[in-house]
């Protein structure tokens, strides 16, 4: 396929648009437009969510079965996802997001079990 065919009139603008829209996820254009998120498929997002839910369930189980006098375990950190640079920037600035919310909120628990 030669893009000069578009200038020569052998390739329609519609065909060029269709070819661009259906470029593979790992193409240079997709990476430029979407960054790291272009490399994550729906399956990758679902696996990350499953790992996060399993870690939260294990953490809750450990909290419930720990002695009352002992230290509570640290809440699990979610799997880093594309576009999560805001949280990393806050941690570098010295403001840890865990300081604002030291555990799992009731809304997060409701979403997890809902």
C-alpha atoms as a PDB file:
ATOM      1  CA  UNK A   1       0.000   0.000   0.000  1.00  0.00           C
ATOM      2  CA  UNK A   2       1.422   3.325  -1.038  1.00  0.00           C
ATOM      3  CA  UNK A   3      -0.042   6.497   0.468  1.00  0.00           C
ATOM      4  CA  UNK A   4       0.953   8.364  -2.686  1.00  0.00           C
ATOM      5  CA  UNK A   5      -1.969   6.505  -4.309  1.00  0.00           C
ATOM      6  CA  UNK A   6      -4.230   8.883  -2.376  1.00  0.00           C
ATOM      7  CA  UNK A   7      -2.582  11.850  -4.111  1.00  0.00           C
ATOM      8  CA  UNK A   8      -2.753  10.064  -7.460  1.00  0.00           C
ATOM      9  CA  UNK A   9      -6.501   9.457  -7.028  1.00  0.00           C
ATOM     10  CA  UNK A  10      -6.171   5.658  -6.889  1.00  0.00           C
ATOM     11  CA  UNK A  11      -7.040   5.514  -3.174  1.00  0.00           C
ATOM     12  CA  UNK A  12     -10.117   7.217  -1.736  1.00  0.00           C
ATOM     13  CA  UNK A  13     -10.074   9.330   1.429  1.00  0.00           C
ATOM     14  CA  UNK A  14     -12.636   6.986   2.941  1.00  0.00           C
ATOM     15  CA  UNK A  15     -10.345   3.985   2.391  1.00  0.00           C
ATOM     16  CA  UNK A  16      -7.413   5.835   3.996  1.00  0.00           C
ATOM     17  CA  UNK A  17      -9.594   6.689   7.007  1.00  0.00           C
ATOM     18  CA  UNK A  18     -10.733   3.062   7.360  1.00  0.00           C
ATOM     19  CA  UNK A  19      -7.129   1.857   7.193  1.00  0.00           C
ATOM     20  CA  UNK A  20      -6.050   4.372   9.854  1.00  0.00           C
ATOM     21  CA  UNK A  21      -8.973   3.525  12.169  1.00  0.00           C
ATOM     22  CA  UNK A  22      -8.186  -0.190  12.030  1.00  0.00           C
ATOM     23  CA  UNK A  23      -4.458  -0.017  12.654  1.00  0.00           C
ATOM     24  CA  UNK A  24      -3.245  -2.621  15.150  1.00  0.00           C
ATOM     25  CA  UNK A  25      -3.012  -1.685  18.819  1.00  0.00           C
ATOM     26  CA  UNK A  26       0.787  -1.828  18.758  1.00  0.00           C
ATOM     27  CA  UNK A  27       1.167   0.521  15.786  1.00  0.00           C
ATOM     28  CA  UNK A  28       3.237   3.687  16.118  1.00  0.00           C
ATOM     29  CA  UNK A  29       0.163   5.884  15.562  1.00  0.00           C
ATOM     30  CA  UNK A  30      -1.841   4.185  18.332  1.00  0.00           C
ATOM     31  CA  UNK A  31       1.091   4.495  20.735  1.00  0.00           C
ATOM     32  CA  UNK A  32       1.505   8.178  19.876  1.00  0.00           C
ATOM     33  CA  UNK A  33      -2.202   8.927  20.321  1.00  0.00           C
ATOM     34  CA  UNK A  34      -2.911   6.802  23.418  1.00  0.00           C
ATOM     35  CA  UNK A  35       0.488   6.277  25.012  1.00  0.00           C
ATOM     36  CA  UNK A  36       0.860   3.263  27.272  1.00  0.00           C
ATOM     37  CA  UNK A  37      -2.914   2.711  27.282  1.00  0.00           C
ATOM     38  CA  UNK A  38      -2.704   1.473  23.671  1.00  0.00           C
ATOM     39  CA  UNK A  39      -0.830  -1.596  24.894  1.00  0.00           C
ATOM     40  CA  UNK A  40      -3.562  -2.587  27.384  1.00  0.00           C
ATOM     41  CA  UNK A  41      -6.395  -4.725  26.052  1.00  0.00           C
ATOM     42  CA  UNK A  42      -9.738  -5.346  27.727  1.00  0.00           C
ATOM     43  CA  UNK A  43      -8.335  -8.636  28.993  1.00  0.00           C
ATOM     44  CA  UNK A  44      -5.403  -6.836  30.621  1.00  0.00           C
ATOM     45  CA  UNK A  45      -7.774  -4.438  32.409  1.00  0.00           C
ATOM     46  CA  UNK A  46      -9.974  -7.325  33.584  1.00  0.00           C
ATOM     47  CA  UNK A  47      -6.954  -9.260  34.867  1.00  0.00           C
ATOM     48  CA  UNK A  48      -5.706  -6.205  36.759  1.00  0.00           C
ATOM     49  CA  UNK A  49      -9.175  -5.762  38.312  1.00  0.00           C
ATOM     50  CA  UNK A  50      -9.265  -9.458  39.299  1.00  0.00           C
ATOM     51  CA  UNK A  51      -5.838  -9.184  40.934  1.00  0.00           C
ATOM     52  CA  UNK A  52      -6.924  -6.042  42.813  1.00  0.00           C
ATOM     53  CA  UNK A  53     -10.121  -7.723  44.069  1.00  0.00           C
ATOM     54  CA  UNK A  54      -8.240 -10.832  45.153  1.00  0.00           C
ATOM     55  CA  UNK A  55      -5.660  -8.729  47.007  1.00  0.00           C
ATOM     56  CA  UNK A  56      -8.457  -6.770  48.739  1.00  0.00           C
ATOM     57  CA  UNK A  57     -10.241  -9.986  49.729  1.00  0.00           C
ATOM     58  CA  UNK A  58      -7.027 -11.472  51.136  1.00  0.00           C
ATOM     59  CA  UNK A  59      -6.336  -8.236  53.009  1.00  0.00           C
ATOM     60  CA  UNK A  60      -9.851  -8.216  54.508  1.00  0.00           C
ATOM     61  CA  UNK A  61      -9.491 -11.871  55.531  1.00  0.00           C
ATOM     62  CA  UNK A  62      -6.172 -11.103  57.185  1.00  0.00           C
ATOM     63  CA  UNK A  63      -7.639  -8.078  59.006  1.00  0.00           C
ATOM     64  CA  UNK A  64     -10.594 -10.070  60.335  1.00  0.00           C
ATOM     65  CA  UNK A  65      -8.425 -12.948  61.548  1.00  0.00           C
ATOM     66  CA  UNK A  66      -5.651 -10.839  63.072  1.00  0.00           C
ATOM     67  CA  UNK A  67      -5.492 -10.328  66.818  1.00  0.00           C
ATOM     68  CA  UNK A  68      -7.016  -7.107  68.103  1.00  0.00           C
ATOM     69  CA  UNK A  69      -3.822  -6.130  69.912  1.00  0.00           C
ATOM     70  CA  UNK A  70      -1.576  -6.688  66.881  1.00  0.00           C
ATOM     71  CA  UNK A  71      -0.863  -4.307  64.070  1.00  0.00           C
ATOM     72  CA  UNK A  72      -3.271  -4.288  61.175  1.00  0.00           C
ATOM     73  CA  UNK A  73      -1.751  -5.176  57.802  1.00  0.00           C
ATOM     74  CA  UNK A  74      -1.197  -2.506  55.184  1.00  0.00           C
ATOM     75  CA  UNK A  75      -3.976  -2.255  52.579  1.00  0.00           C
ATOM     76  CA  UNK A  76      -2.960  -3.642  49.198  1.00  0.00           C
ATOM     77  CA  UNK A  77      -1.814  -1.329  46.429  1.00  0.00           C
ATOM     78  CA  UNK A  78      -3.680  -1.655  43.143  1.00  0.00           C
ATOM     79  CA  UNK A  79      -1.956  -2.884  40.014  1.00  0.00           C
ATOM     80  CA  UNK A  80      -0.544   0.149  38.177  1.00  0.00           C
ATOM     81  CA  UNK A  81      -2.607   0.989  35.117  1.00  0.00           C
ATOM     82  CA  UNK A  82      -1.877   3.197  32.138  1.00  0.00           C
ATOM     83  CA  UNK A  83      -2.477   6.848  32.844  1.00  0.00           C
ATOM     84  CA  UNK A  84      -1.902   6.419  36.573  1.00  0.00           C
ATOM     85  CA  UNK A  85       0.862   9.030  36.606  1.00  0.00           C
ATOM     86  CA  UNK A  86      -1.124  11.406  38.859  1.00  0.00           C
ATOM     87  CA  UNK A  87      -0.805   9.120  41.879  1.00  0.00           C
ATOM     88  CA  UNK A  88       2.910   8.666  41.267  1.00  0.00           C
ATOM     89  CA  UNK A  89       3.391  12.433  41.040  1.00  0.00           C
ATOM     90  CA  UNK A  90       1.608  12.924  44.372  1.00  0.00           C
ATOM     91  CA  UNK A  91       3.831  10.313  46.013  1.00  0.00           C
ATOM     92  CA  UNK A  92       6.940  12.039  44.662  1.00  0.00           C
ATOM     93  CA  UNK A  93       5.718  15.374  46.045  1.00  0.00           C
ATOM     94  CA  UNK A  94       5.554  13.828  49.492  1.00  0.00           C
ATOM     95  CA  UNK A  95       1.778  13.532  49.648  1.00  0.00           C
ATOM     96  CA  UNK A  96       0.998   9.857  49.798  1.00  0.00           C
ATOM     97  CA  UNK A  97      -2.566   9.070  48.729  1.00  0.00           C
ATOM     98  CA  UNK A  98      -2.802   6.507  51.553  1.00  0.00           C
ATOM     99  CA  UNK A  99      -2.501   9.299  54.119  1.00  0.00           C
ATOM    100  CA  UNK A 100      -5.827  10.768  53.056  1.00  0.00           C
ATOM    101  CA  UNK A 101      -7.680   7.429  53.103  1.00  0.00           C
ATOM    102  CA  UNK A 102      -5.860   4.861  55.252  1.00  0.00           C
ATOM    103  CA  UNK A 103      -8.125   1.951  54.262  1.00  0.00           C
ATOM    104  CA  UNK A 104     -10.858   0.805  51.999  1.00  0.00           C
ATOM    105  CA  UNK A 105     -13.876   3.084  51.971  1.00  0.00           C
ATOM    106  CA  UNK A 106     -17.412   1.754  52.479  1.00  0.00           C
ATOM    107  CA  UNK A 107     -18.221   2.708  48.878  1.00  0.00           C
ATOM    108  CA  UNK A 108     -15.291   0.595  47.630  1.00  0.00           C
ATOM    109  CA  UNK A 109     -16.464  -2.351  49.720  1.00  0.00           C
ATOM    110  CA  UNK A 110     -20.005  -1.970  48.403  1.00  0.00           C
ATOM    111  CA  UNK A 111     -18.703  -1.906  44.819  1.00  0.00           C
ATOM    112  CA  UNK A 112     -16.523  -4.958  45.505  1.00  0.00           C
ATOM    113  CA  UNK A 113     -19.363  -7.045  46.944  1.00  0.00           C
ATOM    114  CA  UNK A 114     -22.125  -5.532  44.791  1.00  0.00           C
END
